[in-house]
C-alpha atoms as a PDB file:
ATOM      1  CA  UNK A   1       0.000   0.000   0.000  1.00  0.00           C
ATOM      2  CA  UNK A   2       1.338   3.408  -0.893  1.00  0.00           C
ATOM      3  CA  UNK A   3       1.520   6.427   1.404  1.00  0.00           C
ATOM      4  CA  UNK A   4      -1.394   8.181  -0.321  1.00  0.00           C
ATOM      5  CA  UNK A   5      -3.699   5.217   0.309  1.00  0.00           C
ATOM      6  CA  UNK A   6      -2.594   4.955   3.941  1.00  0.00           C
ATOM      7  CA  UNK A   7      -3.328   8.662   4.415  1.00  0.00           C
ATOM      8  CA  UNK A   8      -6.763   8.304   2.787  1.00  0.00           C
ATOM      9  CA  UNK A   9      -7.620   5.427   5.143  1.00  0.00           C
ATOM     10  CA  UNK A  10      -6.522   7.389   8.219  1.00  0.00           C
ATOM     11  CA  UNK A  11      -8.453  10.495   7.163  1.00  0.00           C
ATOM     12  CA  UNK A  12     -11.621   8.574   6.343  1.00  0.00           C
ATOM     13  CA  UNK A  13     -11.582   6.586   9.590  1.00  0.00           C
ATOM     14  CA  UNK A  14     -10.728   9.719  11.614  1.00  0.00           C
ATOM     15  CA  UNK A  15     -13.761  11.431  10.101  1.00  0.00           C
ATOM     16  CA  UNK A  16     -15.911   8.464  11.197  1.00  0.00           C
ATOM     17  CA  UNK A  17     -14.577   8.739  14.739  1.00  0.00           C
ATOM     18  CA  UNK A  18     -15.468  12.435  14.916  1.00  0.00           C
ATOM     19  CA  UNK A  19     -18.873  12.431  13.177  1.00  0.00           C
ATOM     20  CA  UNK A  20     -20.764  12.380  16.458  1.00  0.00           C
ATOM     21  CA  UNK A  21     -22.040   8.802  16.390  1.00  0.00           C
ATOM     22  CA  UNK A  22     -20.056   6.628  18.806  1.00  0.00           C
ATOM     23  CA  UNK A  23     -18.362   3.712  17.096  1.00  0.00           C
ATOM     24  CA  UNK A  24     -19.198   0.243  18.354  1.00  0.00           C
ATOM     25  CA  UNK A  25     -16.810  -2.639  18.974  1.00  0.00           C
ATOM     26  CA  UNK A  26     -17.946  -4.046  15.618  1.00  0.00           C
ATOM     27  CA  UNK A  27     -17.045  -0.783  13.874  1.00  0.00           C
ATOM     28  CA  UNK A  28     -13.619  -0.801  15.534  1.00  0.00           C
ATOM     29  CA  UNK A  29     -13.041  -4.454  14.581  1.00  0.00           C
ATOM     30  CA  UNK A  30     -13.959  -3.730  10.961  1.00  0.00           C
ATOM     31  CA  UNK A  31     -11.616  -0.751  10.754  1.00  0.00           C
ATOM     32  CA  UNK A  32      -8.753  -2.761  12.219  1.00  0.00           C
ATOM     33  CA  UNK A  33      -9.402  -5.688   9.887  1.00  0.00           C
ATOM     34  CA  UNK A  34      -9.558  -3.409   6.842  1.00  0.00           C
ATOM     35  CA  UNK A  35      -6.251  -1.800   7.745  1.00  0.00           C
ATOM     36  CA  UNK A  36      -4.629  -5.224   8.252  1.00  0.00           C
ATOM     37  CA  UNK A  37      -5.888  -6.399   4.865  1.00  0.00           C
ATOM     38  CA  UNK A  38      -4.682  -3.240   3.162  1.00  0.00           C
ATOM     39  CA  UNK A  39      -1.241  -3.675   4.749  1.00  0.00           C
ATOM     40  CA  UNK A  40      -1.122  -7.323   3.673  1.00  0.00           C
ATOM     41  CA  UNK A  41      -1.225  -8.562   7.269  1.00  0.00           C
ATOM     42  CA  UNK A  42      -4.239 -10.860   7.155  1.00  0.00           C
ATOM     43  CA  UNK A  43      -4.570 -13.249  10.070  1.00  0.00           C
ATOM     44  CA  UNK A  44      -7.210 -15.752   8.953  1.00  0.00           C
ATOM     45  CA  UNK A  45      -7.830 -15.241   5.219  1.00  0.00           C
ATOM     46  CA  UNK A  46      -5.886 -15.274   1.964  1.00  0.00           C
ATOM     47  CA  UNK A  47      -5.503 -11.495   2.190  1.00  0.00           C
ATOM     48  CA  UNK A  48      -7.652 -10.488  -0.773  1.00  0.00           C
ATOM     49  CA  UNK A  49      -9.632  -7.288  -0.257  1.00  0.00           C
ATOM     50  CA  UNK A  50     -13.182  -8.646  -0.248  1.00  0.00           C
ATOM     51  CA  UNK A  51     -16.169  -8.079   2.026  1.00  0.00           C
ATOM     52  CA  UNK A  52     -16.157 -11.755   3.019  1.00  0.00           C
ATOM     53  CA  UNK A  53     -12.487 -11.583   4.003  1.00  0.00           C
ATOM     54  CA  UNK A  54     -12.982  -8.287   5.805  1.00  0.00           C
ATOM     55  CA  UNK A  55     -15.842  -9.734   7.850  1.00  0.00           C
ATOM     56  CA  UNK A  56     -13.880 -12.926   8.548  1.00  0.00           C
ATOM     57  CA  UNK A  57     -10.840 -10.959   9.702  1.00  0.00           C
ATOM     58  CA  UNK A  58     -13.047  -8.786  11.929  1.00  0.00           C
ATOM     59  CA  UNK A  59     -15.065 -11.739  13.251  1.00  0.00           C
ATOM     60  CA  UNK A  60     -18.408 -10.193  12.305  1.00  0.00           C
ATOM     61  CA  UNK A  61     -21.267 -11.113  10.001  1.00  0.00           C
ATOM     62  CA  UNK A  62     -21.828  -9.469   6.652  1.00  0.00           C
ATOM     63  CA  UNK A  63     -25.128  -8.110   7.984  1.00  0.00           C
ATOM     64  CA  UNK A  64     -23.218  -6.343  10.758  1.00  0.00           C
ATOM     65  CA  UNK A  65     -20.796  -4.968   8.193  1.00  0.00           C
ATOM     66  CA  UNK A  66     -23.537  -3.515   6.019  1.00  0.00           C
ATOM     67  CA  UNK A  67     -25.236  -1.899   9.045  1.00  0.00           C
ATOM     68  CA  UNK A  68     -21.968  -0.276  10.098  1.00  0.00           C
ATOM     69  CA  UNK A  69     -20.889   3.200   8.950  1.00  0.00           C
ATOM     70  CA  UNK A  70     -17.554   1.545   8.175  1.00  0.00           C
ATOM     71  CA  UNK A  71     -19.146  -0.044   5.082  1.00  0.00           C
ATOM     72  CA  UNK A  72     -19.607   3.360   3.437  1.00  0.00           C
ATOM     73  CA  UNK A  73     -16.111   4.434   4.484  1.00  0.00           C
ATOM     74  CA  UNK A  74     -14.551   1.288   2.995  1.00  0.00           C
ATOM     75  CA  UNK A  75     -16.499   1.799  -0.223  1.00  0.00           C
ATOM     76  CA  UNK A  76     -15.281   5.408  -0.389  1.00  0.00           C
ATOM     77  CA  UNK A  77     -11.664   4.350   0.136  1.00  0.00           C
ATOM     78  CA  UNK A  78     -11.778   1.591  -2.458  1.00  0.00           C
ATOM     79  CA  UNK A  79     -13.490   3.756  -5.089  1.00  0.00           C
ATOM     80  CA  UNK A  80     -10.978   6.605  -4.786  1.00  0.00           C
ATOM     81  CA  UNK A  81      -8.567   6.912  -7.698  1.00  0.00           C
END
């Protein structure tokens, strides 16, 4: 992962932390798992950046992922040029 991508992840997740809505343990787990995957440090998956792998790494269901504000943040990060 390049420095620009790392900065984008930090900025996006920092914005989530300061948007007023408290982040749950699930949100925190998803953010940590996404960062590990992006750094190539997967613990339980093959390391591909997929929703299934992200949820597996975080230990949460896909339903929990889609209800989390982290889902929109991840989408924003991955869609950025």
